[in-house]
Amino acid sequence: MTEVTTTRFVRPGSLEEAVGILRDGPGKWTLLAGGTDLLVRMRDGAVRPEGVIDLTGVREMSDIGVVEGHVVVGALVTHARLAGDDVVRRHGMALAEAADLVGSPQIRNRGTLGGNVMNASPAADAVPPLFVLAAEIRLVGPAGERWVPVDEFATGPGITVKREDEILAAVRFEAEGGTFRSRFARMGTRKALAIAKVSVAIGARRAGPGGDLDRVRVALGAVAPTVIRARKAETLLEGARLSEATIEAAAAAVMDEARPISDIRSTAEYRREMCGVLTRRLLNAAEGE
C-alpha cells in the first residue's frame, strides 16, 4: 500500500504572524514564495515538507521603495516587476537586467527575488548584481531583525547563514542614482529557460564621461561554489580610465580569478574564456556610454 502523507498549509497575513509560526515549530516548516522551485521539487518527491508557510499574503514583503537612502526590495517582488521597476533600473540596473533574463515570462511572473537568493545557487542570476551593489539581506526572526551582507549570506551551494526560525524579508542597497552604474551579462545554452553557464556583473562610479573609475566591483556567477568577487580585476580598474589596454587587462584578470568546474552544462575552459568575453562586453559598453 502506498503511504499517503499530508502537508499542513498555512497562509499568514503579516510577517509577524509568519515569524510566530516558525518560532513555535522550528524545522517543521518550509517557506513558499513564488513556488517555481519548491512546487516542482514537491511534485517530484525530492522534498516532502511537514508544513508549508505560504508567504504570498505578507504584503509588506512585496514592496519596492527608497528608505533612508537605500532601495529596499521585498523578498516577494517578482523578477518581472524587478525588470521593469523605475526605482530598480535607476539605482541598480544590473539587478533589473538579471531579472529580465530569468527563465521564461511565466517564471519571471511567479519567481521572486527572495527565492532566487535563498536557493544559494552559484548560478543564481540576481546574486552577482547584488554583490556589485553591496546589498544586504534582511533576516527576521523571534529575536528581531538582522542585516547580512550579501557576500556573507551563502556559504556553499544551497547553504546560507539563515537560521531555521528566520525569514528572508527584504534586500537593500544604496540609492545612488546615476553616480553608480552597474550592468549584468550572462552566457547560457540559449537565451531563455537555461541556467547560466557563467555570469558577470560590474559596477562603478565614474568621474564624468571618460573619467576615472571609482568604487569598482566585479562579481562572477557559476564559476565557484558561491558567487565571488574578482578582486584583482577590481584593483586593476580602480582609479583607471577605460581603454582597450585596460579592458583587456581586466578581462585577463577575471579569467585568472575564476574557479570553474566542468559539468554536464559546460567545461571549465569554456566558462573561464566566457568570463573574459562578458567582461570585455560590459566594459566596452561602459566605454561607449
Protein backbone atom coordinates (compact mmCIF):
# COMPACT_ATOMS: atom_id res chain seq x y z
CA MET A 1 0.00 0.00 0.00
CA THR A 2 1.28 3.45 -0.92
CA GLU A 3 1.90 5.65 2.07
CA VAL A 4 -0.04 8.93 1.90
CA THR A 5 1.38 11.95 3.69
CA THR A 6 -0.46 15.22 4.27
CA THR A 7 1.36 18.53 4.28
CA ARG A 8 -0.02 21.21 6.56
CA PHE A 9 -0.51 24.53 4.76
CA VAL A 10 -0.86 27.99 6.34
CA ARG A 11 -1.04 31.48 4.83
CA PRO A 12 -0.19 34.22 7.37
CA GLY A 13 -1.25 37.80 6.71
CA SER A 14 1.79 39.51 8.22
CA LEU A 15 5.50 39.00 8.73
CA GLU A 16 4.97 38.98 12.50
CA GLU A 17 2.45 36.15 12.18
CA ALA A 18 4.77 34.16 9.91
CA VAL A 19 7.65 34.52 12.37
CA GLY A 20 5.38 33.37 15.18
CA ILE A 21 4.51 30.19 13.31
CA LEU A 22 8.20 29.45 12.73
CA ARG A 23 9.02 30.16 16.37
CA ASP A 24 6.51 27.60 17.60
CA GLY A 25 7.76 24.88 15.25
CA PRO A 26 11.33 25.49 14.07
CA GLY A 27 12.49 22.98 11.50
CA LYS A 28 8.96 21.79 10.74
CA TRP A 29 8.07 24.44 8.18
CA THR A 30 9.13 25.15 4.61
CA LEU A 31 8.67 28.68 3.27
CA LEU A 32 6.83 29.22 -0.02
CA ALA A 33 7.21 32.40 -2.09
CA GLY A 34 6.81 32.08 -5.88
CA GLY A 35 6.98 28.29 -5.74
CA THR A 36 8.83 27.93 -9.05
CA ASP A 37 11.37 25.61 -7.41
CA LEU A 38 9.62 24.25 -4.32
CA LEU A 39 6.44 23.04 -6.03
CA VAL A 40 8.43 21.23 -8.71
CA ARG A 41 10.55 19.51 -6.06
CA MET A 42 7.45 18.55 -4.08
CA ARG A 43 5.78 17.15 -7.20
CA ASP A 44 8.88 15.08 -8.00
CA GLY A 45 9.12 13.82 -4.42
CA ALA A 46 12.50 15.46 -3.83
CA VAL A 47 11.12 17.21 -0.74
CA ARG A 48 8.17 16.33 1.48
CA PRO A 49 7.71 19.15 3.96
CA GLU A 50 5.73 18.58 7.12
CA GLY A 51 4.28 22.04 6.76
CA VAL A 52 4.34 24.90 4.25
CA ILE A 53 4.06 28.59 5.11
CA ASP A 54 2.73 30.47 2.09
CA LEU A 55 4.23 33.96 2.34
CA THR A 56 2.26 35.47 -0.55
CA GLY A 57 -0.21 37.01 1.91
CA VAL A 58 2.53 39.07 3.60
CA ARG A 59 2.01 42.32 1.68
CA GLU A 60 4.90 44.15 3.35
CA MET A 61 7.29 41.74 1.61
CA SER A 62 6.06 42.83 -1.83
CA ASP A 63 7.13 46.49 -1.67
CA ILE A 64 9.84 48.41 -3.52
CA GLY A 65 10.85 51.81 -2.19
CA VAL A 66 13.61 54.15 -1.08
CA VAL A 67 14.07 54.24 2.69
CA GLU A 68 16.78 56.31 4.39
CA GLY A 69 18.98 56.41 1.31
CA HIS A 70 18.55 52.73 0.42
CA VAL A 71 16.50 50.95 -2.19
CA VAL A 72 14.55 48.30 -0.27
CA VAL A 73 13.12 45.41 -2.27
CA GLY A 74 10.77 42.96 -0.59
CA ALA A 75 11.61 39.28 -0.91
CA LEU A 76 8.28 38.59 -2.68
CA VAL A 77 8.94 41.03 -5.53
CA THR A 78 8.85 39.06 -8.77
CA HIS A 79 11.56 39.08 -11.44
CA ALA A 80 9.11 40.63 -13.92
CA ARG A 81 8.46 43.54 -11.58
CA LEU A 82 12.17 43.97 -10.82
CA ALA A 83 12.99 44.10 -14.53
CA GLY A 84 10.58 46.96 -15.21
CA ASP A 85 10.65 48.95 -11.97
CA ASP A 86 11.89 52.54 -12.44
CA VAL A 87 13.50 52.73 -8.99
CA VAL A 88 15.43 49.49 -9.51
CA ARG A 89 16.50 50.47 -13.03
CA ARG A 90 17.75 53.88 -11.87
CA HIS A 91 19.73 52.68 -8.86
CA GLY A 92 20.52 49.05 -9.73
CA MET A 93 20.38 48.46 -13.48
CA ALA A 94 22.38 45.23 -13.20
CA LEU A 95 19.65 43.75 -11.00
CA ALA A 96 16.93 44.76 -13.47
CA GLU A 97 18.92 43.27 -16.36
CA ALA A 98 19.45 40.00 -14.49
CA ALA A 99 15.78 39.75 -13.55
CA ASP A 100 14.82 40.18 -17.19
CA LEU A 101 16.87 37.10 -18.12
CA VAL A 102 15.46 34.70 -15.53
CA GLY A 103 13.64 31.72 -17.02
CA SER A 104 10.54 32.30 -19.13
CA PRO A 105 7.86 35.02 -18.88
CA GLN A 106 5.79 32.64 -16.75
CA ILE A 107 8.65 32.06 -14.32
CA ARG A 108 9.51 35.77 -14.18
CA ASN A 109 5.91 36.50 -13.23
CA ARG A 110 5.97 33.95 -10.38
CA GLY A 111 9.59 33.65 -9.26
CA THR A 112 10.78 36.07 -6.57
CA LEU A 113 13.98 37.84 -5.63
CA GLY A 114 13.91 36.21 -2.20
CA GLY A 115 13.62 32.75 -3.68
CA ASN A 116 16.49 33.37 -6.09
CA VAL A 117 18.73 34.49 -3.22
CA MET A 118 17.59 31.75 -0.80
CA ASN A 119 18.40 28.97 -3.27
CA ALA A 120 22.06 29.91 -2.78
CA SER A 121 22.93 28.69 -6.25
CA PRO A 122 26.27 29.92 -7.62
CA ALA A 123 24.43 30.39 -10.94
CA ALA A 124 21.58 32.49 -9.50
CA ASP A 125 21.09 35.43 -11.84
CA ALA A 126 20.17 38.03 -9.22
CA VAL A 127 23.11 37.45 -6.89
CA PRO A 128 26.10 38.86 -8.89
CA PRO A 129 24.25 42.19 -9.32
CA LEU A 130 23.56 42.25 -5.58
CA PHE A 131 27.29 41.73 -4.97
CA VAL A 132 28.27 44.76 -7.07
CA LEU A 133 25.51 46.80 -5.40
CA ALA A 134 26.93 45.86 -1.98
CA ALA A 135 23.46 44.70 -0.98
CA GLU A 136 22.37 43.48 2.42
CA ILE A 137 19.86 40.76 3.27
CA ARG A 138 17.20 41.40 5.92
CA LEU A 139 16.53 38.34 8.08
CA VAL A 140 13.65 38.49 10.56
CA GLY A 141 13.10 36.03 13.41
CA PRO A 142 11.88 35.80 17.03
CA ALA A 143 14.99 37.64 18.23
CA GLY A 144 14.34 40.57 15.88
CA GLU A 145 15.94 41.51 12.58
CA ARG A 146 19.49 41.48 11.30
CA TRP A 147 21.07 42.67 8.06
CA VAL A 148 23.65 40.34 6.48
CA PRO A 149 25.99 41.47 3.67
CA VAL A 150 25.08 39.51 0.56
CA ASP A 151 28.65 38.22 0.15
CA GLU A 152 28.37 36.58 3.59
CA PHE A 153 24.91 35.08 3.10
CA ALA A 154 25.65 31.93 1.07
CA THR A 155 28.46 29.72 2.34
CA GLY A 156 28.13 26.99 -0.28
CA PRO A 157 25.69 25.61 -2.86
CA GLY A 158 22.27 25.62 -1.19
CA ILE A 159 23.74 26.65 2.18
CA THR A 160 23.10 30.01 3.86
CA VAL A 161 23.52 31.64 7.26
CA LYS A 162 19.74 31.99 7.68
CA ARG A 163 18.52 30.23 10.81
CA GLU A 164 15.54 27.86 10.76
CA ASP A 165 13.36 30.35 12.64
CA GLU A 166 14.21 33.29 10.35
CA ILE A 167 12.60 34.63 7.18
CA LEU A 168 14.40 36.43 4.38
CA ALA A 169 12.18 39.52 4.27
CA ALA A 170 13.96 42.03 2.02
CA VAL A 171 17.10 43.15 0.25
CA ARG A 172 18.53 46.65 0.30
CA PHE A 173 21.30 48.61 -1.43
CA GLU A 174 22.35 52.23 -1.61
CA ALA A 175 20.24 54.57 -3.72
CA GLU A 176 22.97 56.32 -5.67
CA GLY A 177 21.11 57.11 -8.88
CA GLY A 178 23.35 57.93 -11.81
CA THR A 179 26.50 58.27 -9.72
CA PHE A 180 26.98 54.49 -9.52
CA ARG A 181 26.36 52.47 -12.68
CA SER A 182 26.03 48.72 -12.86
CA ARG A 183 25.49 46.20 -15.67
CA PHE A 184 24.99 42.44 -15.96
CA ALA A 185 25.61 39.82 -18.66
CA ARG A 186 25.31 36.06 -18.74
CA MET A 187 26.04 33.16 -21.05
CA GLY A 188 23.69 30.17 -21.30
CA THR A 189 22.87 27.39 -23.70
CA ARG A 190 20.07 29.59 -25.03
CA LYS A 191 18.56 32.95 -24.13
CA ALA A 192 15.67 31.66 -22.04
CA LEU A 193 14.94 28.69 -19.76
CA ALA A 194 18.62 27.87 -19.26
CA ILE A 195 20.76 28.10 -16.15
CA ALA A 196 23.69 30.44 -16.66
CA LYS A 197 26.97 28.77 -17.60
CA VAL A 198 28.70 31.92 -16.43
CA SER A 199 27.61 35.43 -15.49
CA VAL A 200 29.38 38.71 -14.80
CA ALA A 201 28.19 41.89 -13.08
CA ILE A 202 30.22 45.09 -12.95
CA GLY A 203 29.54 48.30 -11.06
CA ALA A 204 31.47 51.54 -10.59
CA ARG A 205 31.24 55.26 -10.20
CA ARG A 206 32.76 57.43 -12.91
CA ALA A 207 34.05 61.00 -12.78
CA GLY A 208 32.22 62.23 -15.89
CA PRO A 209 32.42 60.94 -19.49
CA GLY A 210 35.77 59.21 -19.98
CA GLY A 211 36.67 59.83 -16.33
CA ASP A 212 38.44 57.60 -13.83
CA LEU A 213 36.57 54.69 -12.28
CA ASP A 214 35.86 54.60 -8.55
CA ARG A 215 34.33 52.03 -6.17
CA VAL A 216 34.74 49.30 -8.75
CA ARG A 217 33.08 45.94 -8.05
CA VAL A 218 33.16 42.86 -10.28
CA ALA A 219 31.20 39.72 -9.43
CA LEU A 220 31.24 36.32 -11.14
CA GLY A 221 28.49 33.70 -11.13
CA ALA A 222 28.62 29.94 -11.86
CA VAL A 223 32.42 29.75 -11.65
CA ALA A 224 32.87 28.80 -7.97
CA PRO A 225 30.84 27.17 -5.16
CA THR A 226 29.32 30.60 -4.49
CA VAL A 227 29.23 33.89 -6.37
CA ILE A 228 32.63 35.56 -5.97
CA ARG A 229 34.22 38.99 -6.30
CA ALA A 230 37.03 39.39 -8.85
CA ARG A 231 39.32 41.37 -6.54
CA LYS A 232 42.34 41.55 -8.85
CA ALA A 233 40.24 42.95 -11.66
CA GLU A 234 38.68 45.46 -9.28
CA THR A 235 42.10 46.68 -8.14
CA LEU A 236 43.27 46.97 -11.73
CA LEU A 237 40.22 49.06 -12.72
CA GLU A 238 40.09 51.23 -9.60
CA GLY A 239 41.23 54.75 -10.48
CA ALA A 240 41.79 53.82 -14.13
CA ARG A 241 40.27 55.13 -17.33
CA LEU A 242 38.72 52.68 -19.73
CA SER A 243 40.84 51.95 -22.76
CA GLU A 244 41.46 48.93 -24.95
CA ALA A 245 44.51 48.01 -22.89
CA THR A 246 42.71 48.43 -19.56
CA ILE A 247 39.74 46.37 -20.72
CA GLU A 248 41.98 43.55 -21.96
CA ALA A 249 43.93 43.53 -18.70
CA ALA A 250 40.70 43.42 -16.67
CA ALA A 251 39.34 40.55 -18.80
CA ALA A 252 42.56 38.61 -18.28
CA ALA A 253 42.41 39.21 -14.53
CA VAL A 254 38.81 37.98 -14.36
CA MET A 255 39.71 34.82 -16.26
CA ASP A 256 42.58 34.20 -13.85
CA GLU A 257 40.34 34.62 -10.79
CA ALA A 258 37.50 32.38 -11.99
CA ARG A 259 37.49 28.89 -10.47
CA PRO A 260 35.04 26.98 -12.70
CA ILE A 261 34.48 23.25 -12.95
CA SER A 262 33.48 21.06 -15.86
CA ASP A 263 29.99 19.56 -15.63
CA ILE A 264 27.11 18.46 -17.85
CA ARG A 265 26.37 22.06 -18.86
CA SER A 266 29.86 23.28 -19.79
CA THR A 267 33.60 22.85 -19.45
CA ALA A 268 35.85 24.76 -17.09
CA GLU A 269 37.86 26.09 -20.05
CA TYR A 270 34.78 27.48 -21.77
CA ARG A 271 33.48 29.09 -18.59
CA ARG A 272 36.83 30.76 -17.94
CA GLU A 273 37.00 32.09 -21.50
CA MET A 274 33.42 33.40 -21.31
CA CYS A 275 34.27 35.30 -18.13
CA GLY A 276 36.71 37.30 -20.22
CA VAL A 277 34.25 37.71 -23.10
CA LEU A 278 31.48 39.05 -20.86
CA THR A 279 33.86 41.36 -19.01
CA ARG A 280 35.04 42.86 -22.30
CA ARG A 281 31.44 43.23 -23.44
CA LEU A 282 30.36 45.10 -20.32
CA LEU A 283 33.42 47.36 -20.17
CA ASN A 284 33.27 48.17 -23.89
CA ALA A 285 29.63 49.16 -23.43
CA ALA A 286 30.60 51.36 -20.48
CA GLU A 287 33.38 52.98 -22.51
CA GLY A 288 30.90 53.87 -25.22
CA GLU A 289 28.33 55.41 -22.85
